[in-house]
N, C-alpha and C. Protein backbone atom coordinates (compact mmCIF):
# COMPACT_ATOMS: atom_id res chain seq x y z
N MET A 1 6.46 -2.07 22.89
CA MET A 1 6.16 -1.69 21.52
C MET A 1 5.01 -2.39 21.18
N ASN A 2 4.12 -1.84 20.21
CA ASN A 2 2.88 -2.26 19.62
C ASN A 2 3.15 -2.67 18.25
N VAL A 3 2.06 -3.49 17.68
CA VAL A 3 1.99 -3.76 16.28
C VAL A 3 0.80 -2.94 15.79
N ARG A 4 1.12 -2.13 14.72
CA ARG A 4 0.07 -1.31 14.34
C ARG A 4 -0.05 -1.49 12.78
N GLY A 5 -1.22 -1.30 12.39
CA GLY A 5 -1.61 -1.49 10.92
C GLY A 5 -1.71 -0.31 10.24
N ILE A 6 -1.03 -0.11 9.13
CA ILE A 6 -1.03 1.07 8.36
C ILE A 6 -1.62 0.87 6.92
N ARG A 7 -2.64 1.57 6.67
CA ARG A 7 -3.33 1.09 5.38
C ARG A 7 -2.85 2.27 4.39
N GLY A 8 -2.91 1.59 3.21
CA GLY A 8 -2.64 2.55 2.01
C GLY A 8 -3.31 1.92 0.67
N ALA A 9 -3.55 2.87 -0.27
CA ALA A 9 -4.32 2.48 -1.33
C ALA A 9 -3.99 3.49 -2.55
N VAL A 10 -3.91 3.01 -3.66
CA VAL A 10 -3.48 3.90 -4.92
C VAL A 10 -4.08 3.47 -6.17
N THR A 11 -4.74 4.13 -6.96
CA THR A 11 -5.33 3.83 -8.27
C THR A 11 -4.16 3.84 -9.30
N VAL A 12 -4.22 2.96 -10.27
CA VAL A 12 -3.28 2.83 -11.29
C VAL A 12 -3.92 3.13 -12.73
N GLU A 13 -3.35 3.97 -13.60
CA GLU A 13 -3.91 4.37 -14.80
C GLU A 13 -4.28 3.30 -15.64
N ALA A 14 -3.59 2.16 -15.82
CA ALA A 14 -3.71 1.19 -16.79
C ALA A 14 -3.16 -0.09 -16.26
N ASN A 15 -3.57 -1.25 -16.85
CA ASN A 15 -3.08 -2.35 -16.39
C ASN A 15 -1.73 -2.83 -17.13
N GLU A 16 -0.74 -1.99 -16.74
CA GLU A 16 0.59 -2.26 -17.28
C GLU A 16 1.51 -2.44 -16.13
N ALA A 17 2.41 -3.41 -16.29
CA ALA A 17 3.48 -3.73 -15.20
C ALA A 17 4.00 -2.54 -14.65
N GLY A 18 4.65 -1.65 -15.61
CA GLY A 18 5.34 -0.62 -15.21
C GLY A 18 4.72 0.44 -14.41
N LEU A 19 3.31 0.77 -14.71
CA LEU A 19 2.42 1.65 -13.88
C LEU A 19 2.03 1.01 -12.63
N ILE A 20 1.84 -0.28 -12.62
CA ILE A 20 1.53 -0.88 -11.24
C ILE A 20 2.65 -0.78 -10.36
N SER A 21 3.75 -1.10 -10.88
CA SER A 21 5.06 -1.00 -10.11
C SER A 21 5.17 0.43 -9.55
N GLU A 22 5.15 1.50 -10.46
CA GLU A 22 5.36 2.82 -10.07
C GLU A 22 4.40 3.25 -8.99
N ALA A 23 3.02 3.02 -9.21
CA ALA A 23 2.11 3.46 -8.30
C ALA A 23 2.31 2.83 -6.96
N THR A 24 2.61 1.39 -7.00
CA THR A 24 2.80 0.67 -5.75
C THR A 24 4.08 1.34 -4.97
N LEU A 25 5.03 1.50 -5.58
CA LEU A 25 6.28 2.07 -5.08
C LEU A 25 6.04 3.53 -4.48
N THR A 26 5.31 4.44 -5.26
CA THR A 26 4.94 5.66 -4.63
C THR A 26 4.22 5.69 -3.48
N MET A 27 3.23 4.73 -3.36
CA MET A 27 2.58 4.43 -2.11
C MET A 27 3.42 3.95 -0.98
N VAL A 28 4.11 3.07 -1.13
CA VAL A 28 5.06 2.44 -0.12
C VAL A 28 6.00 3.42 0.34
N ARG A 29 6.63 4.29 -0.49
CA ARG A 29 7.49 5.35 -0.04
C ARG A 29 6.79 6.41 0.70
N GLU A 30 5.53 6.91 0.28
CA GLU A 30 4.74 7.72 1.16
C GLU A 30 4.43 7.15 2.51
N ILE A 31 4.19 5.95 2.59
CA ILE A 31 3.66 5.22 3.90
C ILE A 31 5.08 5.32 4.74
N MET A 32 6.16 4.91 4.13
CA MET A 32 7.30 4.89 4.91
C MET A 32 7.85 6.22 5.58
N SER A 33 7.65 7.24 4.65
CA SER A 33 8.23 8.60 4.97
C SER A 33 7.16 9.20 6.03
N SER A 34 5.81 9.11 5.76
CA SER A 34 4.81 9.66 6.58
C SER A 34 4.87 9.04 8.18
N ASN A 35 5.29 7.74 8.15
CA ASN A 35 5.18 7.11 9.45
C ASN A 35 6.75 6.92 9.99
N ASP A 36 7.76 7.31 9.38
CA ASP A 36 9.09 7.04 9.89
C ASP A 36 9.40 5.67 10.10
N ILE A 37 9.15 4.88 8.96
CA ILE A 37 9.28 3.52 9.18
C ILE A 37 10.63 2.92 8.75
N ASP A 38 11.36 2.12 9.36
CA ASP A 38 12.48 1.27 8.91
C ASP A 38 12.02 -0.05 8.65
N PRO A 39 12.37 -0.50 7.33
CA PRO A 39 11.94 -1.85 6.88
C PRO A 39 11.96 -2.97 7.96
N ALA A 40 13.16 -2.79 8.80
CA ALA A 40 13.26 -3.84 9.86
C ALA A 40 12.47 -3.99 10.79
N ASP A 41 11.52 -3.03 10.93
CA ASP A 41 10.42 -2.97 11.92
C ASP A 41 9.11 -3.35 11.52
N ILE A 42 9.09 -3.80 10.13
CA ILE A 42 7.89 -4.30 9.50
C ILE A 42 7.63 -5.80 9.77
N CYS A 43 6.47 -6.18 10.27
CA CYS A 43 6.10 -7.48 10.52
C CYS A 43 5.82 -8.24 9.14
N SER A 44 4.90 -7.58 8.53
CA SER A 44 4.52 -8.14 7.28
C SER A 44 3.68 -7.13 6.36
N VAL A 45 3.46 -7.43 5.24
CA VAL A 45 2.57 -6.65 4.32
C VAL A 45 1.64 -7.40 3.44
N LEU A 46 0.40 -7.09 3.51
CA LEU A 46 -0.66 -7.77 2.67
C LEU A 46 -1.00 -6.73 1.52
N ILE A 47 -0.83 -7.27 0.41
CA ILE A 47 -1.14 -6.36 -0.70
C ILE A 47 -2.35 -7.02 -1.56
N THR A 48 -3.34 -6.19 -1.80
CA THR A 48 -4.49 -6.65 -2.70
C THR A 48 -4.46 -5.84 -3.89
N VAL A 49 -5.01 -6.36 -5.02
CA VAL A 49 -5.23 -5.72 -6.26
C VAL A 49 -6.68 -6.07 -6.69
N THR A 50 -7.32 -5.23 -7.44
CA THR A 50 -8.45 -5.61 -7.96
C THR A 50 -8.32 -6.40 -9.15
N GLN A 51 -9.35 -7.11 -9.52
CA GLN A 51 -9.30 -8.09 -10.57
C GLN A 51 -8.88 -7.54 -12.01
N ASP A 52 -8.94 -6.23 -12.26
CA ASP A 52 -8.29 -5.72 -13.53
C ASP A 52 -6.87 -5.37 -13.54
N LEU A 53 -6.15 -5.63 -12.56
CA LEU A 53 -4.76 -5.45 -12.41
C LEU A 53 -3.90 -6.83 -12.46
N ASP A 54 -3.72 -7.39 -13.60
CA ASP A 54 -3.27 -8.77 -13.58
C ASP A 54 -1.95 -8.67 -14.48
N ASP A 55 -1.27 -7.58 -14.52
CA ASP A 55 0.03 -7.66 -15.55
C ASP A 55 1.12 -7.85 -14.66
N SER A 56 1.11 -7.65 -13.43
CA SER A 56 2.30 -7.96 -12.55
C SER A 56 1.98 -8.06 -11.08
N PHE A 57 2.88 -8.62 -10.29
CA PHE A 57 2.82 -8.73 -8.76
C PHE A 57 3.34 -7.38 -8.29
N PRO A 58 2.46 -6.61 -7.51
CA PRO A 58 3.01 -5.44 -6.85
C PRO A 58 4.15 -5.80 -5.93
N ALA A 59 4.00 -6.89 -5.15
CA ALA A 59 5.15 -7.22 -4.14
C ALA A 59 6.43 -7.39 -5.02
N GLN A 60 6.42 -7.72 -6.25
CA GLN A 60 7.78 -7.78 -6.83
C GLN A 60 8.44 -6.49 -6.94
N ALA A 61 7.75 -5.46 -7.17
CA ALA A 61 8.31 -4.13 -7.16
C ALA A 61 8.92 -3.80 -5.66
N VAL A 62 8.17 -4.13 -4.77
CA VAL A 62 8.52 -3.77 -3.29
C VAL A 62 9.66 -4.39 -2.84
N ARG A 63 9.76 -5.68 -3.18
CA ARG A 63 10.98 -6.32 -2.87
C ARG A 63 12.36 -5.72 -3.37
N GLN A 64 12.15 -4.75 -4.36
CA GLN A 64 13.44 -4.36 -4.84
C GLN A 64 13.86 -3.01 -4.00
N LEU A 65 13.12 -2.58 -3.22
CA LEU A 65 13.44 -1.41 -2.41
C LEU A 65 14.50 -1.92 -1.29
N PRO A 66 15.52 -0.98 -1.19
CA PRO A 66 16.62 -1.38 -0.08
C PRO A 66 15.91 -1.66 1.28
N GLY A 67 16.44 -2.78 1.78
CA GLY A 67 15.89 -3.17 3.27
C GLY A 67 14.78 -4.02 3.15
N TRP A 68 14.02 -4.12 2.09
CA TRP A 68 12.86 -4.86 1.89
C TRP A 68 12.91 -6.46 1.45
N GLU A 69 14.09 -6.89 1.32
CA GLU A 69 14.25 -8.11 0.71
C GLU A 69 13.84 -9.26 1.62
N LEU A 70 13.69 -8.99 2.88
CA LEU A 70 13.41 -10.07 3.95
C LEU A 70 11.99 -9.77 4.41
N VAL A 71 11.41 -8.65 4.07
CA VAL A 71 10.08 -8.51 4.55
C VAL A 71 8.98 -9.26 4.05
N PRO A 72 8.12 -10.09 4.87
CA PRO A 72 7.20 -10.90 4.19
C PRO A 72 6.05 -10.21 3.60
N LEU A 73 5.82 -10.41 2.18
CA LEU A 73 4.96 -9.62 1.41
C LEU A 73 4.04 -10.88 0.94
N MET A 74 2.60 -10.62 0.87
CA MET A 74 1.69 -11.50 0.09
C MET A 74 0.59 -10.82 -0.58
N CYS A 75 0.53 -11.01 -1.89
CA CYS A 75 -0.48 -10.41 -2.87
C CYS A 75 -1.65 -11.47 -2.80
N ALA A 76 -2.82 -10.65 -2.91
CA ALA A 76 -4.19 -11.28 -3.11
C ALA A 76 -5.05 -10.47 -3.93
N LEU A 77 -6.12 -11.06 -4.36
CA LEU A 77 -7.23 -10.34 -5.08
C LEU A 77 -8.16 -9.79 -4.07
N GLU A 78 -8.66 -8.50 -4.29
CA GLU A 78 -9.46 -7.72 -3.52
C GLU A 78 -10.89 -8.33 -3.81
N VAL A 79 -11.90 -8.24 -2.89
CA VAL A 79 -12.99 -8.93 -2.96
C VAL A 79 -13.86 -8.00 -4.12
N PRO A 80 -14.40 -8.65 -5.18
CA PRO A 80 -14.87 -7.95 -6.33
C PRO A 80 -16.34 -7.49 -6.14
N VAL A 81 -16.53 -6.54 -5.41
CA VAL A 81 -17.85 -5.92 -5.11
C VAL A 81 -18.22 -5.09 -6.21
N LYS A 82 -19.55 -5.28 -6.56
CA LYS A 82 -20.03 -4.45 -7.84
C LYS A 82 -19.93 -2.93 -7.57
N GLY A 83 -19.42 -2.25 -8.61
CA GLY A 83 -19.34 -0.89 -8.46
C GLY A 83 -18.25 -0.24 -7.64
N SER A 84 -17.40 -1.25 -7.24
CA SER A 84 -16.18 -0.74 -6.35
C SER A 84 -15.14 -0.06 -7.31
N LEU A 85 -14.21 0.70 -6.64
CA LEU A 85 -13.15 1.29 -7.31
C LEU A 85 -12.38 0.36 -8.03
N GLU A 86 -11.97 0.71 -9.36
CA GLU A 86 -11.25 -0.12 -10.27
C GLU A 86 -9.72 0.27 -10.30
N ARG A 87 -8.91 -0.68 -10.67
CA ARG A 87 -7.60 -0.47 -10.91
C ARG A 87 -6.86 0.01 -9.60
N CYS A 88 -7.12 -0.68 -8.54
CA CYS A 88 -6.71 -0.19 -7.21
C CYS A 88 -5.72 -1.35 -6.60
N VAL A 89 -4.67 -0.81 -6.03
CA VAL A 89 -3.57 -1.51 -5.18
C VAL A 89 -3.94 -1.12 -3.78
N ARG A 90 -4.00 -2.03 -2.86
CA ARG A 90 -4.26 -1.53 -1.35
C ARG A 90 -3.17 -2.30 -0.60
N LEU A 91 -2.81 -1.68 0.48
CA LEU A 91 -1.75 -2.26 1.37
C LEU A 91 -2.12 -2.27 2.78
N MET A 92 -1.94 -3.27 3.63
CA MET A 92 -1.97 -3.32 5.01
C MET A 92 -0.54 -3.64 5.63
N VAL A 93 0.17 -2.59 6.00
CA VAL A 93 1.45 -2.86 6.62
C VAL A 93 1.36 -3.02 8.01
N LEU A 94 1.95 -4.16 8.55
CA LEU A 94 1.88 -4.48 10.01
C LEU A 94 3.29 -4.03 10.59
N VAL A 95 3.48 -3.21 11.44
CA VAL A 95 4.70 -2.62 11.92
C VAL A 95 4.90 -2.52 13.38
N ASN A 96 6.11 -2.82 13.90
CA ASN A 96 6.34 -2.54 15.24
C ASN A 96 6.70 -1.04 15.41
N THR A 97 5.95 -0.73 16.33
CA THR A 97 6.12 0.96 16.63
C THR A 97 5.80 1.30 17.85
N GLU A 98 6.36 2.45 18.43
CA GLU A 98 5.88 3.02 19.58
C GLU A 98 4.66 3.85 19.51
N LYS A 99 4.43 4.25 18.12
CA LYS A 99 3.37 5.19 17.85
C LYS A 99 2.01 4.74 18.41
N SER A 100 1.04 5.67 18.77
CA SER A 100 -0.16 5.33 18.90
C SER A 100 -1.10 5.23 17.75
N GLN A 101 -2.27 4.68 17.78
CA GLN A 101 -3.17 4.70 16.64
C GLN A 101 -3.26 6.01 15.94
N LYS A 102 -3.59 6.99 16.80
CA LYS A 102 -3.77 8.36 16.34
C LYS A 102 -2.44 8.98 15.61
N GLU A 103 -1.32 8.40 16.00
CA GLU A 103 -0.22 9.03 15.43
C GLU A 103 0.06 8.19 13.89
N ILE A 104 -0.57 7.37 13.60
CA ILE A 104 -0.37 6.63 12.21
C ILE A 104 -1.01 7.33 11.26
N HIS A 105 -0.20 7.56 10.12
CA HIS A 105 -0.63 8.21 8.98
C HIS A 105 -0.99 7.16 7.87
N HIS A 106 -2.24 6.99 7.49
CA HIS A 106 -2.62 6.15 6.37
C HIS A 106 -2.44 6.89 5.12
N VAL A 107 -2.21 6.26 4.08
CA VAL A 107 -1.88 7.00 2.73
C VAL A 107 -2.88 6.43 1.72
N TYR A 108 -3.60 7.40 1.07
CA TYR A 108 -4.63 7.22 -0.03
C TYR A 108 -4.28 8.13 -1.16
N LEU A 109 -3.92 7.43 -2.24
CA LEU A 109 -3.32 8.38 -3.44
C LEU A 109 -4.29 8.30 -4.67
N GLY A 110 -4.36 9.14 -5.50
CA GLY A 110 -5.06 9.29 -6.71
C GLY A 110 -6.44 8.96 -6.35
N GLY A 111 -7.09 8.23 -7.28
CA GLY A 111 -8.56 7.93 -7.05
C GLY A 111 -8.98 7.18 -5.80
N ALA A 112 -7.94 6.71 -5.16
CA ALA A 112 -8.16 5.95 -3.89
C ALA A 112 -8.53 6.83 -2.72
N GLN A 113 -8.34 8.06 -2.77
CA GLN A 113 -8.68 8.98 -1.93
C GLN A 113 -10.14 8.90 -1.53
N ALA A 114 -11.00 8.49 -2.57
CA ALA A 114 -12.42 8.44 -2.40
C ALA A 114 -12.78 7.26 -1.39
N LEU A 115 -11.86 6.25 -1.06
CA LEU A 115 -12.08 5.18 -0.29
C LEU A 115 -12.23 5.51 1.36
N ARG A 116 -11.34 6.42 1.62
CA ARG A 116 -11.37 6.99 2.90
C ARG A 116 -10.86 8.52 3.03
N PRO A 117 -12.02 9.45 2.47
CA PRO A 117 -11.68 10.77 2.51
C PRO A 117 -11.26 11.34 3.81
N ASP A 118 -11.75 10.64 4.85
CA ASP A 118 -11.42 11.12 6.18
C ASP A 118 -9.85 10.88 6.73
N LEU A 119 -9.27 10.11 5.91
CA LEU A 119 -8.06 9.82 6.22
C LEU A 119 -7.03 10.33 5.01
N ALA A 120 -7.54 10.66 4.01
CA ALA A 120 -6.54 10.80 2.70
C ALA A 120 -6.00 12.10 2.79
N LYS A 121 -4.78 12.12 2.34
CA LYS A 121 -4.11 13.39 2.23
C LYS A 121 -4.30 13.90 0.79
N SER A 122 -4.13 15.26 0.55
CA SER A 122 -4.36 15.88 -0.76
C SER A 122 -2.97 15.76 -1.47
N LYS A 123 -2.55 14.56 -1.73
CA LYS A 123 -1.54 14.25 -2.64
C LYS A 123 -1.73 13.43 -3.87
N VAL A 124 -1.00 13.67 -4.92
CA VAL A 124 -1.04 12.95 -6.09
C VAL A 124 -2.60 12.84 -6.76
């Protein structure tokens, strides 16, 4: 079994706790379904937000998902590069899996599709 990193990113319409939670949960659910992940196989998750999203902790929303109560989650601020994408939540999910790197499906939703158009699906 290998540890693989699964990336995800989503933009949020406004700096509001409910919108941050909703966008984050949509992204997490898409990562889980696209990669057939069981939360028990997750090593840890690093969540970053841009400086303009300070109304809630995305990890707080994720912890409410069934099976995620014991998954180690950590939030941090994204590096504030001038001109970078605003109102963005990013994830790095480290998971134990038999899948190869090529079999991993990274998830980029909303305006975050611009971050990695080569990996983005045409969803949301």
